[in-house]
Amino acid sequence: RIKDIDFGFDTVYIWESKSPKDRTLPLPQSIKEELKIQV
Protein backbone atom coordinates (compact mmCIF):
# COMPACT_ATOMS: atom_id res chain seq x y z
CA ARG A 1 0.00 0.00 0.00
CA ILE A 2 1.09 3.63 -0.29
CA LYS A 3 1.62 3.77 3.48
CA ASP A 4 4.11 0.87 3.29
CA ILE A 5 6.76 2.98 1.55
CA ASP A 6 8.61 5.32 3.92
CA PHE A 7 10.65 7.69 1.79
CA GLY A 8 11.95 9.56 4.85
CA PHE A 9 13.66 6.50 6.32
CA ASP A 10 14.10 4.69 2.97
CA THR A 11 12.18 1.71 4.29
CA VAL A 12 9.68 -0.76 2.88
CA TYR A 13 7.25 -2.33 5.38
CA ILE A 14 5.89 -5.86 4.87
CA TRP A 15 2.83 -6.69 6.96
CA GLU A 16 1.10 -10.03 7.57
CA SER A 17 2.72 -11.92 4.71
CA LYS A 18 3.48 -15.63 4.55
CA SER A 19 6.32 -14.90 6.97
CA PRO A 20 5.60 -15.40 10.68
CA LYS A 21 6.24 -11.76 11.56
CA ASP A 22 6.21 -8.30 10.01
CA ARG A 23 9.51 -7.01 8.68
CA THR A 24 11.23 -3.95 7.22
CA LEU A 25 13.50 -3.79 4.20
CA PRO A 26 15.85 -1.13 2.85
CA LEU A 27 14.35 0.82 -0.05
CA PRO A 28 16.55 0.51 -3.18
CA GLN A 29 17.79 4.03 -3.90
CA SER A 30 17.85 3.45 -7.66
CA ILE A 31 14.05 3.26 -7.80
CA LYS A 32 13.19 5.81 -5.11
CA GLU A 33 12.19 8.52 -7.59
CA GLU A 34 10.22 6.05 -9.72
CA LEU A 35 8.25 5.00 -6.64
CA LYS A 36 7.53 8.63 -5.76
CA ILE A 37 6.12 9.13 -9.26
CA GLN A 38 4.07 5.93 -8.89
CA VAL A 39 2.61 7.18 -5.60
Full PDB file with SEQRES, HELIX, SHEET, SSBOND, CRYST1, ORIGX, SCALE, CONECT and MASTER records, all heavy atoms in Angstrom:
SEQRES   1 A   39  ARG ILE LYS ASP ILE ASP PHE GLY PHE ASP THR VAL TYR          
SEQRES   2 A   39  ILE TRP GLU SER LYS SER PRO LYS ASP ARG THR LEU PRO          
SEQRES   3 A   39  LEU PRO GLN SER ILE LYS GLU GLU LEU LYS ILE GLN VAL          
HELIX    1 AA1 ILE A    2  ASP A    4  5                                   3    
HELIX    2 AA2 GLN A   29  ILE A   31  5                                   3    
HELIX    3 AA3 LYS A   32  GLN A   38  1                                   7    
SHEET    1 AA1 3 ILE A   5  ASP A   6  0                                        
SHEET    2 AA1 3 THR A  11  ILE A  14 -1                                        
SHEET    3 AA1 3 ARG A  23  PRO A  26 -1                                        
CRYST1    1.000    1.000    1.000  90.00  90.00  90.00 P 1           1          
ORIGX1      1.000000  0.000000  0.000000        0.00000                         
ORIGX2      0.000000  1.000000  0.000000        0.00000                         
ORIGX3      0.000000  0.000000  1.000000        0.00000                         
SCALE1      1.000000  0.000000  0.000000        0.00000                         
SCALE2      0.000000  1.000000  0.000000        0.00000                         
SCALE3      0.000000  0.000000  1.000000        0.00000                         
ATOM      1  N   ARG A   1       0.860  -1.191   0.000  1.00  0.00           N  
ATOM      2  CA  ARG A   1       0.000   0.000   0.000  1.00  0.00           C  
ATOM      3  C   ARG A   1       0.899   1.244   0.000  1.00  0.00           C  
ATOM      4  O   ARG A   1       2.093   1.161   0.297  1.00  0.00           O  
ATOM      5  CB  ARG A   1      -0.878   0.015   1.251  1.00  0.00           C  
ATOM      6  CG  ARG A   1      -1.501  -1.334   1.614  1.00  0.00           C  
ATOM      7  CD  ARG A   1      -2.859  -1.520   1.037  1.00  0.00           C  
ATOM      8  NE  ARG A   1      -3.433  -2.807   1.434  1.00  0.00           N  
ATOM      9  CZ  ARG A   1      -4.742  -3.071   1.444  1.00  0.00           C  
ATOM     10  NH1 ARG A   1      -5.614  -2.139   1.082  1.00  0.00           N  
ATOM     11  NH2 ARG A   1      -5.187  -4.265   1.789  1.00  0.00           N  
ATOM     12  N   ILE A   2       0.318   2.378  -0.286  1.00  0.00           N  
ATOM     13  CA  ILE A   2       1.090   3.627  -0.291  1.00  0.00           C  
ATOM     14  C   ILE A   2       1.777   3.850   1.045  1.00  0.00           C  
ATOM     15  O   ILE A   2       2.938   4.256   1.106  1.00  0.00           O  
ATOM     16  CB  ILE A   2       0.166   4.820  -0.631  1.00  0.00           C  
ATOM     17  CG1 ILE A   2      -0.188   4.788  -2.119  1.00  0.00           C  
ATOM     18  CG2 ILE A   2       0.841   6.145  -0.280  1.00  0.00           C  
ATOM     19  CD1 ILE A   2      -1.083   5.916  -2.569  1.00  0.00           C  
ATOM     20  N   LYS A   3       1.069   3.540   2.136  1.00  0.00           N  
ATOM     21  CA  LYS A   3       1.621   3.766   3.476  1.00  0.00           C  
ATOM     22  C   LYS A   3       2.825   2.880   3.788  1.00  0.00           C  
ATOM     23  O   LYS A   3       3.558   3.140   4.754  1.00  0.00           O  
ATOM     24  CB  LYS A   3       0.528   3.518   4.517  1.00  0.00           C  
ATOM     25  CG  LYS A   3       0.109   2.065   4.617  1.00  0.00           C  
ATOM     26  CD  LYS A   3      -0.912   1.826   5.704  1.00  0.00           C  
ATOM     27  CE  LYS A   3      -1.226   0.347   5.838  1.00  0.00           C  
ATOM     28  NZ  LYS A   3      -0.051  -0.463   6.182  1.00  0.00           N  
ATOM     29  N   ASP A   4       3.040   1.821   2.996  1.00  0.00           N  
ATOM     30  CA  ASP A   4       4.111   0.871   3.288  1.00  0.00           C  
ATOM     31  C   ASP A   4       5.470   1.334   2.775  1.00  0.00           C  
ATOM     32  O   ASP A   4       6.483   0.667   3.017  1.00  0.00           O  
ATOM     33  CB  ASP A   4       3.783  -0.507   2.676  1.00  0.00           C  
ATOM     34  CG  ASP A   4       2.519  -1.102   3.268  1.00  0.00           C  
ATOM     35  OD1 ASP A   4       2.189  -0.752   4.418  1.00  0.00           O  
ATOM     36  OD2 ASP A   4       1.854  -1.908   2.580  1.00  0.00           O  
ATOM     37  N   ILE A   5       5.501   2.440   2.052  1.00  0.00           N  
ATOM     38  CA  ILE A   5       6.765   2.984   1.552  1.00  0.00           C  
ATOM     39  C   ILE A   5       7.096   4.238   2.340  1.00  0.00           C  
ATOM     40  O   ILE A   5       6.380   5.238   2.273  1.00  0.00           O  
ATOM     41  CB  ILE A   5       6.691   3.324   0.048  1.00  0.00           C  
ATOM     42  CG1 ILE A   5       6.165   2.120  -0.749  1.00  0.00           C  
ATOM     43  CG2 ILE A   5       8.062   3.755  -0.463  1.00  0.00           C  
ATOM     44  CD1 ILE A   5       7.040   0.902  -0.701  1.00  0.00           C  
ATOM     45  N   ASP A   6       8.176   4.182   3.106  1.00  0.00           N  
ATOM     46  CA  ASP A   6       8.611   5.324   3.923  1.00  0.00           C  
ATOM     47  C   ASP A   6       9.815   5.955   3.244  1.00  0.00           C  
ATOM     48  O   ASP A   6      10.940   5.462   3.367  1.00  0.00           O  
ATOM     49  CB  ASP A   6       8.966   4.851   5.335  1.00  0.00           C  
ATOM     50  CG  ASP A   6       9.226   6.005   6.292  1.00  0.00           C  
ATOM     51  OD1 ASP A   6       9.645   7.079   5.822  1.00  0.00           O  
ATOM     52  OD2 ASP A   6       9.017   5.833   7.509  1.00  0.00           O  
ATOM     53  N   PHE A   7       9.565   7.040   2.521  1.00  0.00           N  
ATOM     54  CA  PHE A   7      10.652   7.695   1.794  1.00  0.00           C  
ATOM     55  C   PHE A   7      11.596   8.441   2.723  1.00  0.00           C  
ATOM     56  O   PHE A   7      12.753   8.665   2.398  1.00  0.00           O  
ATOM     57  CB  PHE A   7      10.074   8.660   0.757  1.00  0.00           C  
ATOM     58  CG  PHE A   7       9.342   7.972  -0.368  1.00  0.00           C  
ATOM     59  CD1 PHE A   7       7.956   8.054  -0.468  1.00  0.00           C  
ATOM     60  CD2 PHE A   7      10.037   7.235  -1.319  1.00  0.00           C  
ATOM     61  CE1 PHE A   7       7.283   7.416  -1.501  1.00  0.00           C  
ATOM     62  CE2 PHE A   7       9.363   6.583  -2.350  1.00  0.00           C  
ATOM     63  CZ  PHE A   7       7.999   6.682  -2.447  1.00  0.00           C  
ATOM     64  N   GLY A   8      11.100   8.841   3.893  1.00  0.00           N  
ATOM     65  CA  GLY A   8      11.948   9.556   4.848  1.00  0.00           C  
ATOM     66  C   GLY A   8      13.040   8.687   5.420  1.00  0.00           C  
ATOM     67  O   GLY A   8      14.196   9.122   5.559  1.00  0.00           O  
ATOM     68  N   PHE A   9      12.691   7.434   5.752  1.00  0.00           N  
ATOM     69  CA  PHE A   9      13.658   6.498   6.324  1.00  0.00           C  
ATOM     70  C   PHE A   9      14.123   5.456   5.307  1.00  0.00           C  
ATOM     71  O   PHE A   9      14.824   4.507   5.674  1.00  0.00           O  
ATOM     72  CB  PHE A   9      13.053   5.794   7.542  1.00  0.00           C  
ATOM     73  CG  PHE A   9      12.960   6.660   8.759  1.00  0.00           C  
ATOM     74  CD1 PHE A   9      11.767   7.290   9.097  1.00  0.00           C  
ATOM     75  CD2 PHE A   9      14.072   6.894   9.563  1.00  0.00           C  
ATOM     76  CE1 PHE A   9      11.666   8.104  10.211  1.00  0.00           C  
ATOM     77  CE2 PHE A   9      13.989   7.694  10.688  1.00  0.00           C  
ATOM     78  CZ  PHE A   9      12.789   8.315  11.018  1.00  0.00           C  
ATOM     79  N   ASP A  10      13.708   5.617   4.048  1.00  0.00           N  
ATOM     80  CA  ASP A  10      14.101   4.687   2.969  1.00  0.00           C  
ATOM     81  C   ASP A  10      13.808   3.236   3.375  1.00  0.00           C  
ATOM     82  O   ASP A  10      14.675   2.362   3.322  1.00  0.00           O  
ATOM     83  CB  ASP A  10      15.589   4.852   2.618  1.00  0.00           C  
ATOM     84  CG  ASP A  10      15.858   6.189   1.956  1.00  0.00           C  
ATOM     85  OD1 ASP A  10      14.936   6.732   1.325  1.00  0.00           O  
ATOM     86  OD2 ASP A  10      16.992   6.692   2.060  1.00  0.00           O  
ATOM     87  N   THR A  11      12.572   3.014   3.767  1.00  0.00           N  
ATOM     88  CA  THR A  11      12.178   1.709   4.293  1.00  0.00           C  
ATOM     89  C   THR A  11      10.906   1.203   3.612  1.00  0.00           C  
ATOM     90  O   THR A  11      10.009   1.982   3.311  1.00  0.00           O  
ATOM     91  CB  THR A  11      11.936   1.798   5.817  1.00  0.00           C  
ATOM     92  OG1 THR A  11      13.145   2.230   6.455  1.00  0.00           O  
ATOM     93  CG2 THR A  11      11.533   0.446   6.392  1.00  0.00           C  
ATOM     94  N   VAL A  12      10.876  -0.101   3.385  1.00  0.00           N  
ATOM     95  CA  VAL A  12       9.678  -0.764   2.882  1.00  0.00           C  
ATOM     96  C   VAL A  12       9.147  -1.657   3.994  1.00  0.00           C  
ATOM     97  O   VAL A  12       9.906  -2.456   4.564  1.00  0.00           O  
ATOM     98  CB  VAL A  12       9.984  -1.624   1.630  1.00  0.00           C  
ATOM     99  CG1 VAL A  12       8.723  -2.364   1.156  1.00  0.00           C  
ATOM    100  CG2 VAL A  12      10.543  -0.762   0.509  1.00  0.00           C  
ATOM    101  N   TYR A  13       7.859  -1.535   4.318  1.00  0.00           N  
ATOM    102  CA  TYR A  13       7.246  -2.331   5.378  1.00  0.00           C  
ATOM    103  C   TYR A  13       6.434  -3.475   4.774  1.00  0.00           C  
ATOM    104  O   TYR A  13       5.633  -3.267   3.860  1.00  0.00           O  
ATOM    105  CB  TYR A  13       6.328  -1.462   6.243  1.00  0.00           C  
ATOM    106  CG  TYR A  13       7.060  -0.438   7.070  1.00  0.00           C  
ATOM    107  CD1 TYR A  13       7.332   0.825   6.549  1.00  0.00           C  
ATOM    108  CD2 TYR A  13       7.486  -0.727   8.360  1.00  0.00           C  
ATOM    109  CE1 TYR A  13       8.016   1.774   7.305  1.00  0.00           C  
ATOM    110  CE2 TYR A  13       8.163   0.210   9.126  1.00  0.00           C  
ATOM    111  CZ  TYR A  13       8.427   1.459   8.594  1.00  0.00           C  
ATOM    112  OH  TYR A  13       9.102   2.397   9.344  1.00  0.00           O  
ATOM    113  N   ILE A  14       6.641  -4.675   5.299  1.00  0.00           N  
ATOM    114  CA  ILE A  14       5.893  -5.856   4.871  1.00  0.00           C  
ATOM    115  C   ILE A  14       5.071  -6.340   6.056  1.00  0.00           C  
ATOM    116  O   ILE A  14       5.615  -6.720   7.089  1.00  0.00           O  
ATOM    117  CB  ILE A  14       6.832  -6.981   4.382  1.00  0.00           C  
ATOM    118  CG1 ILE A  14       7.766  -6.469   3.283  1.00  0.00           C  
ATOM    119  CG2 ILE A  14       6.020  -8.178   3.889  1.00  0.00           C  
ATOM    120  CD1 ILE A  14       7.042  -5.987   2.038  1.00  0.00           C  
ATOM    121  N   TRP A  15       3.732  -6.317   5.871  1.00  0.00           N  
ATOM    122  CA  TRP A  15       2.828  -6.689   6.959  1.00  0.00           C  
ATOM    123  C   TRP A  15       2.099  -7.990   6.645  1.00  0.00           C  
ATOM    124  O   TRP A  15       1.637  -8.182   5.530  1.00  0.00           O  
ATOM    125  CB  TRP A  15       1.779  -5.598   7.198  1.00  0.00           C  
ATOM    126  CG  TRP A  15       2.316  -4.218   7.342  1.00  0.00           C  
ATOM    127  CD1 TRP A  15       2.358  -3.251   6.371  1.00  0.00           C  
ATOM    128  CD2 TRP A  15       2.904  -3.622   8.502  1.00  0.00           C  
ATOM    129  NE1 TRP A  15       2.920  -2.108   6.851  1.00  0.00           N  
ATOM    130  CE2 TRP A  15       3.279  -2.295   8.157  1.00  0.00           C  
ATOM    131  CE3 TRP A  15       3.150  -4.083   9.801  1.00  0.00           C  
ATOM    132  CZ2 TRP A  15       3.874  -1.428   9.066  1.00  0.00           C  
ATOM    133  CZ3 TRP A  15       3.751  -3.221  10.691  1.00  0.00           C  
ATOM    134  CH2 TRP A  15       4.109  -1.918  10.337  1.00  0.00           C  
ATOM    135  N   GLU A  16       1.974  -8.842   7.626  1.00  0.00           N  
ATOM    136  CA  GLU A  16       1.100 -10.026   7.565  1.00  0.00           C  
ATOM    137  C   GLU A  16       1.252 -10.811   6.273  1.00  0.00           C  
ATOM    138  O   GLU A  16       0.288 -11.148   5.600  1.00  0.00           O  
ATOM    139  CB  GLU A  16      -0.362  -9.599   7.738  1.00  0.00           C  
ATOM    140  CG  GLU A  16      -0.621  -8.912   9.063  1.00  0.00           C  
ATOM    141  CD  GLU A  16      -2.055  -8.461   9.211  1.00  0.00           C  
ATOM    142  OE1 GLU A  16      -2.819  -8.600   8.244  1.00  0.00           O  
ATOM    143  OE2 GLU A  16      -2.405  -7.973  10.288  1.00  0.00           O  
ATOM    144  N   SER A  17       2.477 -11.109   5.905  1.00  0.00           N  
ATOM    145  CA  SER A  17       2.723 -11.916   4.709  1.00  0.00           C  
ATOM    146  C   SER A  17       2.769 -13.387   5.108  1.00  0.00           C  
ATOM    147  O   SER A  17       2.342 -13.759   6.196  1.00  0.00           O  
ATOM    148  CB  SER A  17       4.045 -11.502   4.060  1.00  0.00           C  
ATOM    149  OG  SER A  17       5.133 -11.906   4.874  1.00  0.00           O  
ATOM    150  N   LYS A  18       3.313 -14.204   4.244  1.00  0.00           N  
ATOM    151  CA  LYS A  18       3.479 -15.626   4.549  1.00  0.00           C  
ATOM    152  C   LYS A  18       4.449 -15.813   5.707  1.00  0.00           C  
ATOM    153  O   LYS A  18       4.391 -16.808   6.435  1.00  0.00           O  
ATOM    154  CB  LYS A  18       3.994 -16.349   3.295  1.00  0.00           C  
ATOM    155  CG  LYS A  18       4.150 -17.846   3.453  1.00  0.00           C  
ATOM    156  CD  LYS A  18       4.682 -18.461   2.163  1.00  0.00           C  
ATOM    157  CE  LYS A  18       4.913 -19.964   2.327  1.00  0.00           C  
ATOM    158  NZ  LYS A  18       5.467 -20.561   1.089  1.00  0.00           N  
ATOM    159  N   SER A  19       5.336 -14.842   5.888  1.00  0.00           N  
ATOM    160  CA  SER A  19       6.319 -14.900   6.970  1.00  0.00           C  
ATOM    161  C   SER A  19       5.619 -14.811   8.329  1.00  0.00           C  
ATOM    162  O   SER A  19       4.537 -14.221   8.443  1.00  0.00           O  
ATOM    163  CB  SER A  19       7.318 -13.752   6.838  1.00  0.00           C  
ATOM    164  OG  SER A  19       7.907 -13.755   5.552  1.00  0.00           O  
ATOM    165  N   PRO A  20       6.238 -15.372   9.366  1.00  0.00           N  
ATOM    166  CA  PRO A  20       5.600 -15.399  10.681  1.00  0.00           C  
ATOM    167  C   PRO A  20       5.527 -14.051  11.383  1.00  0.00           C  
ATOM    168  O   PRO A  20       4.811 -13.897  12.355  1.00  0.00           O  
ATOM    169  CB  PRO A  20       6.477 -16.382  11.472  1.00  0.00           C  
ATOM    170  CG  PRO A  20       7.809 -16.327  10.802  1.00  0.00           C  
ATOM    171  CD  PRO A  20       7.519 -16.104   9.349  1.00  0.00           C  
ATOM    172  N   LYS A  21       6.278 -13.069  10.910  1.00  0.00           N  
ATOM    173  CA  LYS A  21       6.240 -11.761  11.559  1.00  0.00           C  
ATOM    174  C   LYS A  21       6.447 -10.665  10.516  1.00  0.00           C  
ATOM    175  O   LYS A  21       6.966 -10.900   9.426  1.00  0.00           O  
ATOM    176  CB  LYS A  21       7.309 -11.671  12.651  1.00  0.00           C  
ATOM    177  CG  LYS A  21       8.746 -11.827  12.147  1.00  0.00           C  
ATOM    178  CD  LYS A  21       9.734 -11.717  13.300  1.00  0.00           C  
ATOM    179  CE  LYS A  21      11.185 -11.861  12.811  1.00  0.00           C  
ATOM    180  NZ  LYS A  21      12.156 -11.749  13.916  1.00  0.00           N  
ATOM    181  N   ASP A  22       6.021  -9.447  10.888  1.00  0.00           N  
ATOM    182  CA  ASP A  22       6.211  -8.302  10.013  1.00  0.00           C  
ATOM    183  C   ASP A  22       7.699  -7.995   9.916  1.00  0.00           C  
ATOM    184  O   ASP A  22       8.475  -8.337  10.817  1.00  0.00           O  
ATOM    185  CB  ASP A  22       5.463  -7.084  10.566  1.00  0.00           C  
ATOM    186  CG  ASP A  22       3.976  -7.356  10.741  1.00  0.00           C  
ATOM    187  OD1 ASP A  22       3.434  -8.149   9.948  1.00  0.00           O  
ATOM    188  OD2 ASP A  22       3.377  -6.788  11.670  1.00  0.00           O  
ATOM    189  N   ARG A  23       8.093  -7.323   8.820  1.00  0.00           N  
ATOM    190  CA  ARG A  23       9.507  -7.007   8.684  1.00  0.00           C  
ATOM    191  C   ARG A  23       9.692  -5.718   7.895  1.00  0.00           C  
ATOM    192  O   ARG A  23       8.763  -5.254   7.218  1.00  0.00           O  
ATOM    193  CB  ARG A  23      10.269  -8.150   8.016  1.00  0.00           C  
ATOM    194  CG  ARG A  23       9.926  -8.424   6.556  1.00  0.00           C  
ATOM    195  CD  ARG A  23      10.609  -9.714   6.114  1.00  0.00           C  
ATOM    196  NE  ARG A  23      10.648  -9.895   4.667  1.00  0.00           N  
ATOM    197  CZ  ARG A  23       9.676 -10.387   3.940  1.00  0.00           C  
ATOM    198  NH1 ARG A  23       8.533 -10.736   4.527  1.00  0.00           N  
ATOM    199  NH2 ARG A  23       9.808 -10.519   2.631  1.00  0.00           N  
ATOM    200  N   THR A  24      10.883  -5.139   7.993  1.00  0.00           N  
ATOM    201  CA  THR A  24      11.230  -3.950   7.221  1.00  0.00           C  
ATOM    202  C   THR A  24      12.396  -4.275   6.311  1.00  0.00           C  
ATOM    203  O   THR A  24      13.228  -5.134   6.622  1.00  0.00           O  
ATOM    204  CB  THR A  24      11.620  -2.783   8.146  1.00  0.00           C  
ATOM    205  OG1 THR A  24      12.747  -3.172   8.954  1.00  0.00           O  
ATOM    206  CG2 THR A  24      10.463  -2.399   9.046  1.00  0.00           C  
ATOM    207  N   LEU A  25      12.445  -3.570   5.184  1.00  0.00           N  
ATOM    208  CA  LEU A  25      13.499  -3.788   4.200  1.00  0.00           C  
ATOM    209  C   LEU A  25      14.029  -2.444   3.729  1.00  0.00           C  
ATOM    210  O   LEU A  25      13.275  -1.461   3.671  1.00  0.00           O  
ATOM    211  CB  LEU A  25      12.951  -4.568   2.999  1.00  0.00           C  
ATOM    212  CG  LEU A  25      12.449  -5.980   3.283  1.00  0.00           C  
ATOM    213  CD1 LEU A  25      11.520  -6.450   2.172  1.00  0.00           C  
ATOM    214  CD2 LEU A  25      13.613  -6.942   3.438  1.00  0.00           C  
ATOM    215  N   PRO A  26      15.307  -2.381   3.382  1.00  0.00           N  
ATOM    216  CA  PRO A  26      15.846  -1.126   2.853  1.00  0.00           C  
ATOM    217  C   PRO A  26      15.281  -0.831   1.465  1.00  0.00           C  
ATOM    218  O   PRO A  26      15.173  -1.722   0.628  1.00  0.00           O  
ATOM    219  CB  PRO A  26      17.353  -1.384   2.800  1.00  0.00           C  
ATOM    220  CG  PRO A  26      17.495  -2.872   2.751  1.00  0.00           C  
ATOM    221  CD  PRO A  26      16.344  -3.420   3.524  1.00  0.00           C  
ATOM    222  N   LEU A  27      14.889   0.406   1.242  1.00  0.00           N  
ATOM    223  CA  LEU A  27      14.349   0.822  -0.049  1.00  0.00           C  
ATOM    224  C   LEU A  27      15.496   1.023  -1.041  1.00  0.00           C  
ATOM    225  O   LEU A  27      16.407   1.804  -0.771  1.00  0.00           O  
ATOM    226  CB  LEU A  27      13.577   2.137   0.115  1.00  0.00           C  
ATOM    227  CG  LEU A  27      13.017   2.772  -1.153  1.00  0.00           C  
ATOM    228  CD1 LEU A  27      11.908   1.905  -1.733  1.00  0.00           C  
ATOM    229  CD2 LEU A  27      12.503   4.181  -0.857  1.00  0.00           C  
ATOM    230  N   PRO A  28      15.488   0.324  -2.172  1.00  0.00           N  
ATOM    231  CA  PRO A  28      16.552   0.515  -3.181  1.00  0.00           C  
ATOM    232  C   PRO A  28      16.561   1.966  -3.665  1.00  0.00           C  
ATOM    233  O   PRO A  28      15.534   2.478  -4.130  1.00  0.00           O  
ATOM    234  CB  PRO A  28      16.152  -0.445  -4.307  1.00  0.00           C  
ATOM    235  CG  PRO A  28      15.290  -1.472  -3.645  1.00  0.00           C  
ATOM    236  CD  PRO A  28      14.545  -0.734  -2.572  1.00  0.00           C  
ATOM    237  N   GLN A  29      17.696   2.616  -3.542  1.00  0.00           N  
ATOM    238  CA  GLN A  29      17.789   4.031  -3.905  1.00  0.00           C  
ATOM    239  C   GLN A  29      17.597   4.276  -5.393  1.00  0.00           C  
ATOM    240  O   GLN A  29      17.140   5.338  -5.811  1.00  0.00           O  
ATOM    241  CB  GLN A  29      19.142   4.588  -3.457  1.00  0.00           C  
ATOM    242  CG  GLN A  29      19.317   4.635  -1.947  1.00  0.00           C  
ATOM    243  CD  GLN A  29      18.254   5.482  -1.273  1.00  0.00           C  
ATOM    244  OE1 GLN A  29      18.208   6.697  -1.468  1.00  0.00           O  
ATOM    245  NE2 GLN A  29      17.383   4.851  -0.490  1.00  0.00           N  
ATOM    246  N   SER A  30      17.938   3.280  -6.212  1.00  0.00           N  
ATOM    247  CA  SER A  30      17.855   3.450  -7.664  1.00  0.00           C  
ATOM    248  C   SER A  30      16.422   3.585  -8.169  1.00  0.00           C  
ATOM    249  O   SER A  30      16.204   4.061  -9.285  1.00  0.00           O  
ATOM    250  CB  SER A  30      18.548   2.278  -8.370  1.00  0.00           C  
ATOM    251  OG  SER A  30      17.925   1.047  -8.037  1.00  0.00           O  
ATOM    252  N   ILE A  31      15.450   3.180  -7.357  1.00  0.00           N  
ATOM    253  CA  ILE A  31      14.047   3.263  -7.796  1.00  0.00           C  
ATOM    254  C   ILE A  31      13.228   4.190  -6.899  1.00  0.00           C  
ATOM    255  O   ILE A  31      12.012   4.239  -7.017  1.00  0.00           O  
ATOM    256  CB  ILE A  31      13.379   1.871  -7.852  1.00  0.00           C  
ATOM    257  CG1 ILE A  31      13.433   1.186  -6.473  1.00  0.00           C  
ATOM    258  CG2 ILE A  31      14.017   1.003  -8.920  1.00  0.00           C  
ATOM    259  CD1 ILE A  31      12.631  -0.115  -6.419  1.00  0.00           C  
ATOM    260  N   LYS A  32      13.892   4.925  -6.042  1.00  0.00           N  
ATOM    261  CA  LYS A  32      13.185   5.807  -5.106  1.00  0.00           C  
ATOM    262  C   LYS A  32      12.336   6.842  -5.845  1.00  0.00           C  
ATOM    263  O   LYS A  32      11.164   7.043  -5.526  1.00  0.00           O  
ATOM    264  CB  LYS A  32      14.184   6.500  -4.182  1.00  0.00           C  
ATOM    265  CG  LYS A  32      13.534   7.332  -3.081  1.00  0.00           C  
ATOM    266  CD  LYS A  32      14.585   7.858  -2.105  1.00  0.00           C  
ATOM    267  CE  LYS A  32      13.932   8.668  -0.996  1.00  0.00           C  
ATOM    268  NZ  LYS A  32      14.928   9.149   0.009  1.00  0.00           N  
ATOM    269  N   GLU A  33      12.918   7.497  -6.841  1.00  0.00           N  
ATOM    270  CA  GLU A  33      12.188   8.517  -7.589  1.00  0.00           C  
ATOM    271  C   GLU A  33      11.051   7.907  -8.397  1.00  0.00           C  
ATOM    272  O   GLU A  33       9.972   8.495  -8.521  1.00  0.00           O  
ATOM    273  CB  GLU A  33      13.148   9.293  -8.494  1.00  0.00           C  
ATOM    274  CG  GLU A  33      14.161  10.145  -7.737  1.00  0.00           C  
ATOM    275  CD  GLU A  33      13.495  11.097  -6.746  1.00  0.00           C  
ATOM    276  OE1 GLU A  33      12.500  11.757  -7.143  1.00  0.00           O  
ATOM    277  OE2 GLU A  33      13.956  11.189  -5.604  1.00  0.00           O  
ATOM    278  N   GLU A  34      11.286   6.731  -8.975  1.00  0.00           N  
ATOM    279  CA  GLU A  34      10.222   6.048  -9.720  1.00  0.00           C  
ATOM    280  C   GLU A  34       9.038   5.735  -8.820  1.00  0.00           C  
ATOM    281  O   GLU A  34       7.875   5.855  -9.233  1.00  0.00           O  
ATOM    282  CB  GLU A  34      10.757   4.748 -10.334  1.00  0.00           C  
ATOM    283  CG  GLU A  34      11.703   4.922 -11.499  1.00  0.00           C  
ATOM    284  CD  GLU A  34      12.104   3.588 -12.105  1.00  0.00           C  
ATOM    285  OE1 GLU A  34      11.271   2.969 -12.785  1.00  0.00           O  
ATOM    286  OE2 GLU A  34      13.252   3.156 -11.872  1.00  0.00           O  
ATOM    287  N   LEU A  35       9.328   5.314  -7.585  1.00  0.00           N  
ATOM    288  CA  LEU A  35       8.255   4.998  -6.641  1.00  0.00           C  
ATOM    289  C   LEU A  35       7.493   6.253  -6.221  1.00  0.00           C  
ATOM    290  O   LEU A  35       6.276   6.206  -6.033  1.00  0.00           O  
ATOM    291  CB  LEU A  35       8.826   4.289  -5.416  1.00  0.00           C  
ATOM    292  CG  LEU A  35       9.223   2.824  -5.631  1.00  0.00           C  
ATOM    293  CD1 LEU A  35       9.949   2.275  -4.409  1.00  0.00           C  
ATOM    294  CD2 LEU A  35       7.994   1.962  -5.923  1.00  0.00           C  
ATOM    295  N   LYS A  36       8.200   7.366  -6.095  1.00  0.00           N  
ATOM    296  CA  LYS A  36       7.529   8.630  -5.756  1.00  0.00           C  
ATOM    297  C   LYS A  36       6.554   9.027  -6.869  1.00  0.00           C  
ATOM    298  O   LYS A  36       5.431   9.465  -6.600  1.00  0.00           O  
ATOM    299  CB  LYS A  36       8.562   9.742  -5.546  1.00  0.00           C  
ATOM    300  CG  LYS A  36       9.322   9.644  -4.234  1.00  0.00           C  
ATOM    301  CD  LYS A  36      10.267  10.815  -4.071  1.00  0.00           C  
ATOM    302  CE  LYS A  36      10.985  10.776  -2.719  1.00  0.00           C  
ATOM    303  NZ  LYS A  36      11.906  11.926  -2.558  1.00  0.00           N  
ATOM    304  N   ILE A  37       6.984   8.828  -8.115  1.00  0.00           N  
ATOM    305  CA  ILE A  37       6.117   9.129  -9.258  1.00  0.00           C  
ATOM    306  C   ILE A  37       4.907   8.198  -9.259  1.00  0.00           C  
ATOM    307  O   ILE A  37       3.778   8.616  -9.527  1.00  0.00           O  
ATOM    308  CB  ILE A  37       6.907   8.995 -10.580  1.00  0.00           C  
ATOM    309  CG1 ILE A  37       7.987  10.083 -10.663  1.00  0.00           C  
ATOM    310  CG2 ILE A  37       5.978   9.076 -11.782  1.00  0.00           C  
ATOM    311  CD1 ILE A  37       8.938   9.920 -11.831  1.00  0.00           C  
ATOM    312  N   GLN A  38       5.154   6.904  -8.935  1.00  0.00           N  
ATOM    313  CA  GLN A  38       4.067   5.931  -8.889  1.00  0.00           C  
ATOM    314  C   GLN A  38       3.039   6.300  -7.824  1.00  0.00           C  
ATOM    315  O   GLN A  38       1.826   6.180  -8.041  1.00  0.00           O  
ATOM    316  CB  GLN A  38       4.624   4.532  -8.622  1.00  0.00           C  
ATOM    317  CG  GLN A  38       3.583   3.429  -8.483  1.00  0.00           C  
ATOM    318  CD  GLN A  38       2.763   3.216  -9.739  1.00  0.00           C  
ATOM    319  OE1 GLN A  38       3.173   3.597 -10.832  1.00  0.00           O  
ATOM    320  NE2 GLN A  38       1.602   2.597  -9.600  1.00  0.00           N  
ATOM    321  N   VAL A  39       3.510   6.772  -6.679  1.00  0.00           N  
ATOM    322  CA  VAL A  39       2.611   7.184  -5.604  1.00  0.00           C  
ATOM    323  C   VAL A  39       1.719   8.333  -6.077  1.00  0.00           C  
ATOM    324  O   VAL A  39       0.510   8.353  -5.806  1.00  0.00           O  
ATOM    325  CB  VAL A  39       3.409   7.592  -4.351  1.00  0.00           C  
ATOM    326  CG1 VAL A  39       2.506   8.303  -3.345  1.00  0.00           C  
ATOM    327  CG2 VAL A  39       4.038   6.360  -3.699  1.00  0.00           C  
TER     328      VAL A  39                                                      
MASTER        0    0    0    3    3    0    0    6  327    1    0    3          
END                                                                             
